[in-house]
Amino acid sequence: MTSRLLDTAMQRDPRSLATRRALSDYLYCTCHDFALLAASALRERDIPARLRVGYASYFRKGYWEDHWVCEHRNGARWAILDAQLGPLVRAGLGISFDITDVPQTAWRSAASIWGDIRSGKIDASICGVSFAGISGAWFVAAAVLRDAASLAGIECLPWDYWGPGRLFCANHNVTEEQAQDIDALAKALDPAPADREAAERVLDRFPWARPTPTILSFSDDRQGAEIKLTAD
């Protein structure tokens, strides 16, 4: 996907990517794409990096917005980089924290948010995609599945659903039995596994959380489409 994004950018304007482009030549991306490009650039420099699925508090006051970021090694620890927060965005939102080391008060993993929903510390109705009117425990539960996959190097899209996530999406509900399964998975993901191998072991423990060969994706419309995963 990274190569397709870059190829499209160069087709629109073949100059260096560091050159400012006309608005019509911009790539219109989601937070997932910013995170993916950042992770790719860091990996190219032999810096371990991975996509993370979680929620940001800095886009809308009083709301935890669904938001993908890039997690990268900073010395002996993992740190959060939000590559979407350019100078204009930071100025507009009044952001003063280091965007290469976003604090936990500003961004939290899906597993962490899920835990606080279950304990009653966070209202599920303020977690989701505000502009689309999407929120609730069902959406966060599906995000926990996406983060588990991303940590294991299975980089899905923000609108992909599989396994129990398809039921969450269809019913906009999580049964207590399903919630207890997500509780166990979230506990294994918070704190996050140290590396891809450890994340793979988490999916081995919870095979129902692993992406299935065919997933439901809502990339084109709200009806969704069946997408068959490949090894490409």
Protein backbone atom coordinates (compact mmCIF):
# COMPACT_ATOMS: atom_id res chain seq x y z
CA MET A 1 0.00 0.00 0.00
CA THR A 2 2.86 2.39 0.77
CA SER A 3 4.24 2.01 -2.75
CA ARG A 4 0.80 2.68 -4.27
CA LEU A 5 0.40 5.85 -2.23
CA LEU A 6 3.83 7.12 -3.25
CA ASP A 7 3.33 6.14 -6.89
CA THR A 8 0.07 8.08 -6.97
CA ALA A 9 1.74 11.14 -5.46
CA MET A 10 4.54 11.02 -8.02
CA GLN A 11 2.11 10.58 -10.91
CA ARG A 12 0.32 13.74 -9.86
CA ASP A 13 3.54 15.69 -9.39
CA PRO A 14 6.92 14.07 -10.22
CA ARG A 15 8.96 16.53 -8.16
CA SER A 16 10.60 15.61 -4.85
CA LEU A 17 8.13 14.68 -2.14
CA ALA A 18 9.71 17.41 -0.02
CA THR A 19 8.39 20.01 -2.49
CA ARG A 20 5.13 21.70 -1.56
CA ARG A 21 2.37 20.68 -3.96
CA ALA A 22 -0.78 22.31 -5.28
CA LEU A 23 -3.84 21.37 -3.27
CA SER A 24 -5.25 19.45 -6.25
CA ASP A 25 -2.15 17.22 -6.24
CA TYR A 26 -2.41 16.29 -2.57
CA LEU A 27 -3.14 12.75 -1.53
CA TYR A 28 -6.27 12.66 0.60
CA CYS A 29 -5.52 10.13 3.30
CA THR A 30 -6.79 8.80 6.58
CA CYS A 31 -4.83 8.60 9.81
CA HIS A 32 -4.06 5.00 8.85
CA ASP A 33 -2.16 6.19 5.77
CA PHE A 34 -0.14 8.77 7.71
CA ALA A 35 0.79 6.08 10.22
CA LEU A 36 1.68 3.59 7.50
CA LEU A 37 3.92 6.04 5.63
CA ALA A 38 5.66 7.00 8.88
CA ALA A 39 6.23 3.36 9.84
CA SER A 40 7.58 2.60 6.36
CA ALA A 41 10.01 5.53 6.49
CA LEU A 42 11.27 4.49 9.92
CA ARG A 43 11.65 0.85 8.92
CA GLU A 44 13.65 1.99 5.87
CA ARG A 45 16.08 3.48 8.39
CA ASP A 46 16.17 0.26 10.44
CA ILE A 47 14.09 1.79 13.23
CA PRO A 48 11.46 -0.69 14.47
CA ALA A 49 8.00 0.71 13.86
CA ARG A 50 4.45 -0.60 13.88
CA LEU A 51 0.91 0.64 13.38
CA ARG A 52 -1.28 1.04 16.43
CA VAL A 53 -5.03 1.34 16.72
CA GLY A 54 -6.45 3.51 19.45
CA TYR A 55 -8.10 6.78 20.40
CA ALA A 56 -6.96 10.41 20.54
CA SER A 57 -8.34 13.09 22.83
CA TYR A 58 -6.95 16.10 20.94
CA PHE A 59 -9.27 16.31 17.95
CA ARG A 60 -12.51 17.01 19.76
CA LYS A 61 -12.76 18.10 23.37
CA GLY A 62 -14.41 15.50 25.56
CA TYR A 63 -14.25 12.80 22.89
CA TRP A 64 -11.94 9.86 22.23
CA GLU A 65 -11.58 9.81 18.44
CA ASP A 66 -10.67 6.61 16.62
CA HIS A 67 -7.09 7.24 15.48
CA TRP A 68 -4.25 5.17 14.03
CA VAL A 69 -0.68 6.16 14.85
CA CYS A 70 2.86 4.90 14.34
CA GLU A 71 4.64 3.39 17.33
CA HIS A 72 8.42 3.42 17.07
CA ARG A 73 11.40 2.42 19.15
CA ASN A 74 12.86 5.33 21.08
CA GLY A 75 15.88 3.90 22.84
CA ALA A 76 14.74 1.04 25.04
CA ARG A 77 11.02 1.81 24.81
CA TRP A 78 8.21 2.24 22.33
CA ALA A 79 6.92 5.79 21.69
CA ILE A 80 3.90 7.09 19.79
CA LEU A 81 4.39 9.23 16.66
CA ASP A 82 1.38 10.99 15.14
CA ALA A 83 2.59 11.85 11.64
CA GLN A 84 -0.73 13.55 10.85
CA LEU A 85 0.03 16.44 13.17
CA GLY A 86 1.83 18.84 10.85
CA PRO A 87 2.52 22.49 11.81
CA LEU A 88 -0.84 23.82 10.61
CA VAL A 89 -2.80 21.11 12.40
CA ARG A 90 -0.82 21.59 15.62
CA ALA A 91 -1.45 25.32 15.50
CA GLY A 92 -5.15 24.87 14.80
CA LEU A 93 -5.63 22.37 17.62
CA GLY A 94 -3.31 24.11 20.06
CA ILE A 95 -1.10 21.04 20.42
CA SER A 96 2.12 21.61 22.34
CA PHE A 97 3.25 18.05 23.13
CA ASP A 98 6.03 16.29 21.23
CA ILE A 99 4.31 14.56 18.30
CA THR A 100 7.11 11.96 18.20
CA ASP A 101 6.35 10.98 21.79
CA VAL A 102 2.62 11.51 22.29
CA PRO A 103 1.66 11.23 25.98
CA GLN A 104 -0.87 8.66 27.16
CA THR A 105 -3.22 11.45 28.19
CA ALA A 106 -3.53 12.32 24.49
CA TRP A 107 -3.54 8.91 22.79
CA ARG A 108 -4.45 5.52 24.21
CA SER A 109 -4.61 2.06 22.71
CA ALA A 110 -7.93 0.41 21.93
CA ALA A 111 -7.22 -2.18 24.64
CA SER A 112 -6.64 0.55 27.22
CA ILE A 113 -9.84 2.39 26.28
CA TRP A 114 -11.78 -0.89 26.34
CA GLY A 115 -10.57 -1.59 29.85
CA ASP A 116 -11.81 1.77 31.08
CA ILE A 117 -15.16 1.31 29.35
CA ARG A 118 -15.59 -2.00 31.12
CA SER A 119 -14.64 -0.51 34.49
CA GLY A 120 -16.98 2.44 34.03
CA LYS A 121 -14.23 5.08 33.84
CA ILE A 122 -15.08 6.01 30.25
CA ASP A 123 -18.51 6.25 28.60
CA ALA A 124 -18.47 4.23 25.38
CA SER A 125 -20.65 6.86 23.70
CA ILE A 126 -17.67 9.27 23.56
CA CYS A 127 -15.43 6.75 21.76
CA GLY A 128 -15.61 6.40 18.00
CA VAL A 129 -15.67 8.43 14.79
CA SER A 130 -17.50 11.61 15.70
CA PHE A 131 -18.02 13.06 12.21
CA ALA A 132 -19.60 9.79 11.04
CA GLY A 133 -21.79 9.38 14.11
CA ILE A 134 -20.15 6.07 15.00
CA SER A 135 -19.48 5.25 18.64
CA GLY A 136 -19.99 2.63 21.29
CA ALA A 137 -18.46 -0.40 22.95
CA TRP A 138 -19.00 -2.50 19.82
CA PHE A 139 -16.73 -0.21 17.79
CA VAL A 140 -14.01 -0.21 20.45
CA ALA A 141 -14.18 -3.99 20.72
CA ALA A 142 -13.57 -4.26 16.97
CA ALA A 143 -10.69 -1.81 17.31
CA VAL A 144 -9.07 -4.12 19.87
CA LEU A 145 -9.09 -6.83 17.19
CA ARG A 146 -7.50 -4.46 14.66
CA ASP A 147 -4.77 -3.48 17.11
CA ALA A 148 -4.02 -7.13 17.89
CA ALA A 149 -3.58 -7.75 14.16
CA SER A 150 -1.45 -4.65 13.64
CA LEU A 151 0.88 -5.54 16.49
CA ALA A 152 1.43 -8.92 14.82
CA GLY A 153 2.29 -7.22 11.53
CA ILE A 154 -1.10 -7.85 9.89
CA GLU A 155 -1.81 -4.31 8.80
CA CYS A 156 -5.53 -4.15 8.12
CA LEU A 157 -7.65 -1.10 7.30
CA PRO A 158 -9.73 0.98 9.74
CA TRP A 159 -12.98 -0.32 8.28
CA ASP A 160 -12.14 -4.03 8.22
CA TYR A 161 -14.11 -6.54 10.29
CA TRP A 162 -13.61 -10.27 10.83
CA GLY A 163 -14.51 -12.99 13.31
CA PRO A 164 -16.48 -11.60 16.25
CA GLY A 165 -15.93 -8.11 14.86
CA ARG A 166 -18.42 -8.86 12.11
CA LEU A 167 -21.06 -9.57 14.74
CA PHE A 168 -20.20 -6.38 16.61
CA CYS A 169 -20.60 -4.43 13.37
CA ALA A 170 -23.84 -6.13 12.37
CA ASN A 171 -25.53 -5.81 15.76
CA HIS A 172 -23.84 -2.68 17.17
CA ASN A 173 -23.69 -4.65 20.36
CA VAL A 174 -21.32 -6.80 22.39
CA THR A 175 -22.81 -9.57 24.49
CA GLU A 176 -21.40 -10.18 27.96
CA GLU A 177 -19.82 -13.43 26.78
CA GLN A 178 -18.17 -11.63 23.86
CA ALA A 179 -17.09 -8.82 26.17
CA GLN A 180 -15.34 -11.26 28.45
CA ASP A 181 -13.40 -12.61 25.47
CA ILE A 182 -12.35 -9.06 24.53
CA ASP A 183 -11.44 -8.45 28.20
CA ALA A 184 -8.93 -11.29 28.05
CA LEU A 185 -7.50 -10.16 24.72
CA ALA A 186 -7.26 -6.54 25.86
CA LYS A 187 -5.42 -7.59 29.01
CA ALA A 188 -2.85 -9.39 26.83
CA LEU A 189 -2.42 -6.23 24.73
CA ASP A 190 -2.13 -3.67 27.54
CA PRO A 191 0.73 -3.19 27.99
CA ALA A 192 1.47 -4.02 24.37
CA PRO A 193 3.60 -7.03 23.41
CA ALA A 194 7.29 -6.15 23.13
CA ASP A 195 7.63 -7.20 19.50
CA ARG A 196 5.92 -8.89 16.57
CA GLU A 197 6.81 -12.38 17.77
CA ALA A 198 5.21 -11.71 21.14
CA ALA A 199 2.12 -10.31 19.42
CA GLU A 200 1.92 -13.43 17.27
CA ARG A 201 1.91 -15.50 20.43
CA VAL A 202 -1.05 -13.47 21.67
CA LEU A 203 -2.97 -14.34 18.50
CA ASP A 204 -1.99 -17.97 19.00
CA ARG A 205 -3.60 -17.78 22.44
CA PHE A 206 -6.72 -16.12 20.99
CA PRO A 207 -7.10 -17.68 17.52
CA TRP A 208 -10.61 -16.23 17.14
CA ALA A 209 -9.01 -12.76 17.06
CA ARG A 210 -6.77 -13.49 14.08
CA PRO A 211 -7.95 -12.03 10.73
CA THR A 212 -9.83 -14.61 8.68
CA PRO A 213 -9.08 -15.36 5.00
CA THR A 214 -12.11 -13.27 4.03
CA ILE A 215 -13.00 -10.02 5.78
CA LEU A 216 -15.81 -7.49 5.59
CA SER A 217 -14.55 -4.08 4.47
CA PHE A 218 -16.49 -0.80 4.31
CA SER A 219 -14.00 1.12 2.17
CA ASP A 220 -16.46 2.04 -0.61
CA ASP A 221 -19.89 2.32 1.01
CA ARG A 222 -21.84 1.46 4.12
CA GLN A 223 -22.99 -1.84 2.59
CA GLY A 224 -19.51 -3.31 2.88
CA ALA A 225 -17.77 -5.81 0.63
CA GLU A 226 -16.23 -9.22 1.11
CA ILE A 227 -12.47 -8.98 0.62
CA LYS A 228 -10.22 -12.02 0.36
CA LEU A 229 -6.86 -11.50 2.02
CA THR A 230 -3.74 -12.49 0.13
CA ALA A 231 -0.07 -12.83 1.04
CA ASP A 232 0.93 -9.86 -1.18
